[in-house]
């Protein structure tokens, strides 16, 4: 069920941030992504903290990304990492290119 939940959220032209609101790295990732002008429906923030299957979701993250932690940021179906990774991609100008390449930006 957790795997299906994650997989249904990942689409080629969408950015998805799985997060817990109390996590400072999640806040960082959300702030970085919020700077960009996304087309409607192409950015989704998913709070997993209140879910019964939160642990299973994180186990699935470990299986597909090599890390169990949040945030997990997906551009299309590719995980680009967590908060520090997204901030670094933004700082070096690579994030905008990734978002543009999937057609997520206005």
Protein backbone atom coordinates (compact mmCIF):
# COMPACT_ATOMS: atom_id res chain seq x y z
CA UNK A 1 0.00 0.00 0.00
CA UNK A 2 2.78 2.45 0.87
CA UNK A 3 4.58 1.65 -2.39
CA UNK A 4 1.38 2.18 -4.38
CA UNK A 5 0.73 5.48 -2.58
CA UNK A 6 4.19 6.82 -3.44
CA UNK A 7 4.14 5.55 -7.02
CA UNK A 8 0.71 7.10 -7.77
CA UNK A 9 2.09 10.50 -6.76
CA UNK A 10 5.15 10.38 -9.05
CA UNK A 11 4.51 11.60 -12.58
CA UNK A 12 6.92 12.68 -15.29
CA UNK A 13 5.85 16.34 -15.33
CA UNK A 14 5.41 16.89 -11.59
CA UNK A 15 7.54 17.73 -8.55
CA UNK A 16 6.61 15.99 -5.31
CA UNK A 17 7.99 16.77 -1.86
CA UNK A 18 7.31 14.19 0.84
CA UNK A 19 7.76 15.89 4.20
CA UNK A 20 7.09 16.20 7.90
CA UNK A 21 6.24 19.79 8.92
CA UNK A 22 8.43 19.70 12.04
CA UNK A 23 11.56 18.80 10.05
CA UNK A 24 13.86 21.79 9.35
CA UNK A 25 15.22 20.19 6.15
CA UNK A 26 11.64 19.73 4.93
CA UNK A 27 10.98 23.41 5.58
CA UNK A 28 14.16 24.26 3.66
CA UNK A 29 13.13 22.17 0.66
CA UNK A 30 9.62 23.64 0.68
CA UNK A 31 11.00 27.20 0.80
CA UNK A 32 13.36 26.55 -2.12
CA UNK A 33 10.63 24.99 -4.28
CA UNK A 34 8.14 27.73 -3.36
CA UNK A 35 10.37 30.32 -5.06
CA UNK A 36 9.53 28.89 -8.47
CA UNK A 37 6.40 29.56 -10.54
CA UNK A 38 4.92 26.12 -11.13
CA UNK A 39 2.07 25.37 -13.49
CA UNK A 40 -1.10 24.44 -11.62
CA UNK A 41 -0.93 20.84 -10.43
CA UNK A 42 2.80 20.40 -11.07
CA UNK A 43 4.00 20.80 -7.46
CA UNK A 44 2.71 18.77 -4.55
CA UNK A 45 3.70 18.83 -0.89
CA UNK A 46 2.74 15.60 0.90
CA UNK A 47 2.83 15.51 4.70
CA UNK A 48 3.40 11.89 5.74
CA UNK A 49 3.65 12.59 9.48
CA UNK A 50 0.05 11.69 10.33
CA UNK A 51 -0.24 8.62 8.14
CA UNK A 52 -0.65 5.12 9.59
CA UNK A 53 1.76 3.82 6.94
CA UNK A 54 4.42 6.51 7.48
CA UNK A 55 7.07 3.98 8.50
CA UNK A 56 6.32 1.78 5.49
CA UNK A 57 6.53 4.83 3.20
CA UNK A 58 9.94 5.64 4.63
CA UNK A 59 11.01 2.01 4.23
CA UNK A 60 10.03 2.28 0.56
CA UNK A 61 12.05 5.51 0.24
CA UNK A 62 15.06 3.59 1.52
CA UNK A 63 14.48 0.90 -1.08
CA UNK A 64 14.17 3.29 -4.05
CA UNK A 65 16.41 6.21 -3.01
CA UNK A 66 18.94 4.79 -0.57
CA UNK A 67 17.67 7.03 2.24
CA UNK A 68 14.75 6.60 4.60
CA UNK A 69 14.65 10.21 5.73
CA UNK A 70 12.43 13.08 4.69
CA UNK A 71 12.32 15.25 2.84
CA UNK A 72 12.39 13.18 -0.32
CA UNK A 73 12.06 15.38 -3.38
CA UNK A 74 11.12 13.86 -6.71
CA UNK A 75 11.38 15.64 -10.04
CA UNK A 76 9.29 13.46 -12.25
CA UNK A 77 10.03 9.94 -11.10
CA UNK A 78 13.63 10.71 -10.09
CA UNK A 79 14.55 11.46 -6.49
CA UNK A 80 16.90 14.43 -6.34
CA UNK A 81 17.49 14.08 -2.60
CA UNK A 82 16.56 16.03 0.48
CA UNK A 83 16.59 19.61 1.72
CA UNK A 84 20.32 20.26 1.43
CA UNK A 85 20.43 18.65 -2.01
CA UNK A 86 17.57 20.81 -3.31
CA UNK A 87 19.14 23.95 -1.83
CA UNK A 88 22.48 23.13 -3.49
CA UNK A 89 20.84 22.44 -6.86
CA UNK A 90 19.07 25.79 -6.56
CA UNK A 91 22.28 27.62 -5.59
CA UNK A 92 24.24 26.25 -8.54
CA UNK A 93 21.43 26.93 -11.03
CA UNK A 94 20.69 23.29 -11.87
CA UNK A 95 17.26 23.05 -10.23
CA UNK A 96 15.55 25.48 -12.59
CA UNK A 97 16.83 23.50 -15.57
CA UNK A 98 15.48 20.27 -14.10
CA UNK A 99 12.07 21.84 -13.48
CA UNK A 100 12.01 23.35 -16.96
CA UNK A 101 13.01 20.06 -18.59
CA UNK A 102 9.89 18.30 -17.26
CA UNK A 103 7.61 21.21 -18.21
CA UNK A 104 6.62 22.02 -14.61
CA UNK A 105 7.25 25.77 -14.71
CA UNK A 106 5.06 28.53 -16.10
